[in-house]
Protein backbone atom coordinates (compact mmCIF):
# COMPACT_ATOMS: atom_id res chain seq x y z
CA MET A 1 -46.51 18.13 -26.81
CA THR A 2 -43.90 20.72 -27.73
CA THR A 3 -42.62 20.54 -24.14
CA ALA A 4 -42.32 16.72 -24.27
CA SER A 5 -40.50 16.82 -27.60
CA THR A 6 -38.16 19.54 -26.50
CA SER A 7 -37.29 17.57 -23.31
CA GLY A 8 -36.83 14.47 -25.40
CA ASN A 9 -34.47 16.23 -27.77
CA ALA A 10 -32.56 17.69 -24.83
CA SER A 11 -32.15 14.33 -23.15
CA ALA A 12 -31.12 12.73 -26.44
CA SER A 13 -28.49 15.31 -27.16
CA ALA A 14 -27.12 15.43 -23.63
CA PRO A 15 -23.82 13.58 -23.40
CA ARG A 16 -23.72 10.38 -21.45
CA ARG A 17 -22.27 11.04 -17.97
CA PHE A 18 -19.99 8.07 -18.02
CA SER A 19 -19.38 7.60 -21.75
CA GLU A 20 -16.75 5.00 -22.30
CA SER A 21 -16.04 6.64 -25.65
CA ARG A 22 -13.80 8.95 -23.56
CA LEU A 23 -11.88 6.04 -22.00
CA LEU A 24 -8.49 6.85 -23.71
CA PRO A 25 -8.38 10.58 -23.11
CA ASP A 26 -9.67 10.27 -19.57
CA THR A 27 -7.19 7.50 -18.84
CA ALA A 28 -4.39 9.67 -20.23
CA ALA A 29 -5.56 12.57 -17.97
CA MET A 30 -5.67 10.36 -14.89
CA ALA A 31 -2.21 8.89 -15.74
CA TRP A 32 -0.90 12.52 -15.87
CA ARG A 33 -2.45 13.29 -12.50
CA SER A 34 -0.79 10.25 -11.00
CA ALA A 35 2.56 11.22 -12.54
CA LEU A 36 2.16 14.79 -11.02
CA THR A 37 1.38 13.25 -7.63
CA MET A 38 4.53 11.25 -7.71
CA LEU A 39 6.68 14.23 -8.70
CA ARG A 40 5.24 16.50 -5.96
CA ASN A 41 5.49 13.67 -3.31
CA PRO A 42 8.91 12.10 -3.85
CA THR A 43 8.80 10.56 -0.42
CA GLU A 44 6.10 8.19 -1.63
CA SER A 45 8.58 6.80 -4.19
CA PHE A 46 11.22 5.57 -1.76
CA ASP A 47 10.42 1.99 -2.68
CA VAL A 48 11.39 2.81 -6.26
CA LEU A 49 14.26 5.13 -5.66
CA ILE A 50 15.97 3.83 -2.59
CA GLN A 51 15.02 0.11 -2.10
CA PRO A 52 16.69 -1.11 -5.35
CA ILE A 53 20.02 0.41 -4.26
CA LEU A 54 19.76 -0.56 -0.64
CA PHE A 55 18.81 -4.22 -1.25
CA THR A 56 21.38 -4.80 -3.95
CA VAL A 57 24.25 -3.46 -1.80
CA MET A 58 23.00 -5.04 1.42
CA PHE A 59 22.24 -8.60 0.04
CA GLY A 60 25.37 -8.56 -2.15
CA GLN A 61 27.73 -7.73 0.78
CA LEU A 62 25.82 -9.90 3.31
CA LEU A 63 25.46 -13.18 1.15
CA GLY A 64 27.99 -12.87 -1.58
CA GLY A 65 30.90 -14.44 0.30
CA ALA A 66 28.76 -17.11 1.95
CA ILE A 67 27.08 -18.32 -1.23
CA SER A 68 29.53 -17.67 -4.08
CA GLY A 69 32.83 -16.83 -2.33
CA ASP A 70 32.81 -13.12 -3.19
CA VAL A 71 30.32 -10.33 -4.05
CA ARG A 72 31.18 -10.20 -7.78
CA SER A 73 30.61 -13.94 -8.35
CA TYR A 74 27.23 -13.69 -6.59
CA LEU A 75 25.91 -10.76 -8.68
CA PRO A 76 24.71 -12.84 -11.68
CA ILE A 77 22.41 -14.81 -9.22
CA LEU A 78 21.42 -11.83 -7.09
CA VAL A 79 20.74 -8.96 -9.52
CA PRO A 80 18.05 -10.71 -11.64
CA GLY A 81 16.47 -12.01 -8.48
CA LEU A 82 16.32 -8.61 -6.82
CA VAL A 83 14.92 -7.04 -10.01
CA VAL A 84 11.85 -9.26 -9.51
CA VAL A 85 11.77 -8.84 -5.71
CA ASN A 86 11.99 -5.07 -5.93
CA VAL A 87 9.41 -4.76 -8.69
CA LEU A 88 6.98 -6.90 -6.78
CA SER A 89 7.40 -4.92 -3.66
CA THR A 90 6.65 -1.78 -5.60
CA ALA A 91 3.64 -3.39 -7.37
CA GLN A 92 1.95 -4.25 -4.13
CA SER A 93 1.50 -0.66 -3.20
CA VAL A 94 -1.05 -0.07 -6.02
CA GLY A 95 -3.60 -2.13 -4.19
CA VAL A 96 -3.08 -0.12 -0.97
CA ASP A 97 -3.42 3.21 -2.84
CA LEU A 98 -6.68 2.10 -4.44
CA ARG A 99 -8.07 0.91 -1.16
CA GLU A 100 -7.13 4.25 0.47
CA ASP A 101 -8.81 6.27 -2.29
CA MET A 102 -11.96 4.13 -2.15
CA THR A 103 -12.14 4.55 1.67
CA LYS A 104 -11.48 8.27 1.63
CA GLY A 105 -14.18 8.93 -1.00
CA VAL A 106 -11.96 10.07 -3.79
CA PHE A 107 -13.96 8.12 -6.30
CA ASP A 108 -17.16 9.78 -5.11
CA ARG A 109 -15.72 12.99 -6.56
CA PHE A 110 -14.83 11.28 -9.82
CA ARG A 111 -18.39 9.93 -10.18
CA ALA A 112 -19.60 13.54 -10.19
CA LEU A 113 -17.53 14.30 -13.27
CA PRO A 114 -18.48 13.54 -16.95
CA MET A 115 -15.57 11.08 -17.37
CA SER A 116 -15.11 7.31 -17.92
CA ARG A 117 -15.66 5.24 -14.90
CA LEU A 118 -12.64 3.09 -15.62
CA ALA A 119 -10.24 6.05 -16.10
CA PRO A 120 -9.41 6.47 -12.32
CA LEU A 121 -8.38 2.79 -12.24
CA LEU A 122 -6.48 2.52 -15.48
CA GLY A 123 -4.69 5.85 -15.40
CA PRO A 124 -2.48 5.11 -12.38
CA MET A 125 -1.83 1.57 -13.81
CA ALA A 126 -0.34 3.25 -16.89
CA THR A 127 1.85 5.53 -14.84
CA ASP A 128 3.02 2.47 -12.64
CA LEU A 129 4.62 0.96 -15.67
CA LEU A 130 7.23 3.75 -15.44
CA ARG A 131 7.76 2.99 -11.73
CA TYR A 132 8.43 -0.65 -12.41
CA ALA A 133 10.84 0.21 -15.22
CA VAL A 134 12.73 2.70 -13.03
CA CYS A 135 12.90 0.08 -10.21
CA ALA A 136 14.34 -2.49 -12.42
CA ALA A 137 16.83 -0.09 -14.07
CA LEU A 138 18.10 1.05 -10.70
CA THR A 139 18.59 -2.44 -9.52
CA LEU A 140 20.60 -3.34 -12.67
CA ALA A 141 22.62 -0.11 -12.41
CA THR A 142 23.56 -0.75 -8.77
CA GLY A 143 24.71 -4.32 -9.80
CA VAL A 144 26.81 -2.87 -12.52
CA ALA A 145 28.29 -0.36 -10.04
CA LEU A 146 29.24 -3.31 -7.82
CA GLY A 147 31.01 -5.09 -10.69
CA TYR A 148 28.30 -7.07 -12.47
CA ARG A 149 28.86 -7.39 -16.29
CA PRO A 150 25.95 -9.09 -18.07
CA ASP A 151 27.10 -11.29 -20.96
CA ASN A 152 24.36 -9.85 -23.23
CA GLY A 153 25.20 -6.31 -22.46
CA TRP A 154 22.81 -3.46 -22.83
CA ILE A 155 20.50 -5.40 -25.11
CA GLY A 156 19.90 -7.90 -22.40
CA ALA A 157 19.59 -5.18 -19.78
CA ILE A 158 16.81 -3.39 -21.83
CA GLY A 159 15.02 -6.71 -22.23
CA VAL A 160 15.11 -7.26 -18.50
CA VAL A 161 13.71 -3.82 -17.72
CA LEU A 162 10.89 -4.23 -20.18
CA SER A 163 10.05 -7.80 -19.13
CA ALA A 164 10.19 -7.01 -15.45
CA ALA A 165 7.91 -3.98 -15.95
CA ALA A 166 5.42 -6.11 -17.88
CA CYS A 167 5.47 -8.89 -15.27
CA GLY A 168 5.09 -6.36 -12.41
CA TRP A 169 2.20 -4.65 -14.20
CA ALA A 170 0.44 -8.04 -14.63
CA ILE A 171 0.84 -9.00 -11.01
CA SER A 172 -0.34 -5.55 -9.86
CA TRP A 173 -3.72 -6.60 -11.05
CA VAL A 174 -3.81 -9.25 -8.41
CA PHE A 175 -3.06 -6.65 -5.75
CA LEU A 176 -5.74 -4.39 -7.09
CA MET A 177 -8.17 -7.28 -6.94
CA VAL A 178 -7.19 -7.91 -3.31
CA SER A 179 -7.91 -4.19 -2.52
CA THR A 180 -11.53 -4.64 -3.68
CA LEU A 181 -11.96 -7.65 -1.36
CA PHE A 182 -10.80 -5.93 1.88
CA ASN A 183 -12.32 -2.90 3.60
CA SER A 184 -9.14 -1.13 4.84
CA ALA A 185 -5.69 -0.36 3.61
CA GLN A 186 -4.09 -1.90 6.57
CA ALA A 187 -5.75 -5.32 5.83
CA VAL A 188 -4.55 -5.03 2.29
CA THR A 189 -1.03 -4.27 3.36
CA SER A 190 -0.96 -7.26 5.80
CA PHE A 191 -2.34 -9.67 3.18
CA ASN A 192 0.14 -8.47 0.59
CA ILE A 193 3.07 -8.99 2.78
CA ILE A 194 1.88 -12.48 3.76
CA VAL A 195 1.77 -13.38 0.10
CA LEU A 196 4.86 -11.56 -1.05
CA PHE A 197 7.40 -13.04 1.48
CA PRO A 198 7.07 -16.69 0.59
CA LEU A 199 6.74 -15.98 -3.16
CA CYS A 200 9.86 -13.79 -3.26
CA TYR A 201 12.11 -15.51 -0.74
CA LEU A 202 11.07 -19.13 -1.11
CA SER A 203 12.28 -19.01 -4.73
CA ASN A 204 15.52 -18.97 -6.66
CA ALA A 205 15.75 -15.20 -6.41
CA LEU A 206 18.62 -15.12 -3.79
CA VAL A 207 19.97 -18.68 -3.49
CA PRO A 208 20.46 -21.67 -5.85
CA THR A 209 17.68 -24.12 -5.29
CA ALA A 210 20.07 -27.02 -5.44
CA THR A 211 21.19 -26.34 -1.84
CA LEU A 212 17.68 -26.43 -0.45
CA PRO A 213 15.97 -29.25 1.40
CA HIS A 214 13.97 -31.46 -0.96
CA TRP A 215 10.46 -30.30 0.11
CA LEU A 216 11.49 -26.68 -0.16
CA ARG A 217 13.37 -27.18 -3.41
CA VAL A 218 10.20 -28.57 -5.01
CA PHE A 219 8.23 -25.49 -3.89
CA ALA A 220 10.93 -23.11 -5.01
CA GLU A 221 11.37 -24.68 -8.46
CA HIS A 222 7.57 -24.48 -9.14
CA ASN A 223 7.29 -20.98 -7.62
CA PRO A 224 5.99 -18.57 -10.43
CA VAL A 225 8.68 -16.03 -9.13
CA SER A 226 11.36 -18.59 -10.05
CA TYR A 227 10.28 -18.78 -13.60
CA VAL A 228 10.42 -14.95 -13.91
CA VAL A 229 13.89 -14.80 -12.20
CA SER A 230 15.21 -17.58 -14.53
CA GLY A 231 13.88 -15.87 -17.54
CA LEU A 232 15.60 -12.57 -16.58
CA ARG A 233 18.91 -14.48 -15.99
CA TYR A 234 18.70 -15.85 -19.43
CA LEU A 235 18.07 -12.37 -20.87
CA LEU A 236 21.11 -10.99 -19.03
CA ASP A 237 23.60 -13.87 -19.42
CA GLY A 238 22.17 -16.22 -22.05
CA ALA A 239 23.46 -19.78 -21.83
CA ALA A 240 26.02 -18.84 -19.29
CA GLY A 241 23.23 -18.14 -16.79
CA THR A 242 20.90 -20.56 -15.04
CA GLY A 243 17.82 -19.72 -17.13
CA THR A 244 16.50 -20.76 -20.51
CA ALA A 245 14.44 -19.17 -23.27
CA ALA A 246 11.59 -21.35 -22.16
CA ASP A 247 11.60 -19.53 -18.78
CA VAL A 248 11.13 -16.26 -20.61
CA GLY A 249 8.12 -17.66 -22.45
CA ARG A 250 6.71 -19.10 -19.21
CA ALA A 251 7.00 -15.78 -17.50
CA LEU A 252 5.35 -13.79 -20.18
CA LEU A 253 2.57 -16.38 -20.73
CA GLY A 254 1.96 -16.42 -16.97
CA SER A 255 1.68 -12.67 -17.01
CA LEU A 256 -0.92 -12.76 -19.81
CA ILE A 257 -2.93 -15.37 -17.88
CA ILE A 258 -2.93 -13.31 -14.69
CA VAL A 259 -4.13 -10.23 -16.57
CA ALA A 260 -6.82 -12.25 -18.41
CA VAL A 261 -8.14 -13.67 -15.02
CA ALA A 262 -7.60 -10.85 -12.55
CA ALA A 263 -8.32 -7.81 -14.66
CA PRO A 264 -11.98 -8.57 -15.45
CA ILE A 265 -12.66 -9.51 -11.78
CA THR A 266 -11.02 -6.30 -10.57
CA VAL A 267 -12.88 -4.12 -12.94
CA LYS A 268 -16.22 -5.76 -12.06
CA ARG A 269 -15.68 -5.36 -8.33
CA TYR A 270 -14.32 -1.89 -8.74
CA GLN A 271 -17.36 -0.80 -10.71
CA ARG A 272 -19.66 -2.33 -8.09
CA SER A 273 -17.86 -0.64 -5.28
CA THR A 274 -17.86 2.80 -6.89
CA SER A 275 -21.41 2.65 -8.46
């Protein structure tokens, strides 16, 4: 009887192996781990550090004269569009990274630790907010270096960086959900590219939709990416741009809906896959 009571007390006092009461500190620890990984492997951040500069210069010089007559006149159209394109391109990598970790058995090691089950998923997501903000800021800075001067100045620029990071973070949940549906990182990459290209380039990100054929213009005008781009244009140039305040609201509302739908599905499938 003494043995039974002793074992009962021991089991009652033992900490829960996956106690969600440690969600916040464990998530912070995993976010710090993700940040250290990025610092120690800078080559994995080329999409954040090089692509914004490369795309802004390349598309500006390539399309500026053909669409707007010169590069500087094209920048108010191009820069907000490329902010979205670059952030979405960066966001899709989170799904690939998660699938690789799940395939390599990284989460098997985490399961052996007395930590929150959700921390390995949420920690890198917190760090990725910084990646999206840096990507958006570099795109804007490159545009300014080429001669772009937003009418709303630095206030508008800060609003664009924060809004783009928030929208990118929301859409990254969709890429995470996709990673739980496929069994290999290569399949996730292929699917993401197939989805990203029409979303990003069949929109108003690079060209005015008024010049498009009717069927394509209808698709582009109702493309979710077009609402985000129009919202960023309004934040940068106000009434002088092609966006409205309603576009900003649609972009943020759409981001909330995406998180509300994709996040629970992703967490449920992630827990099932790592249980």
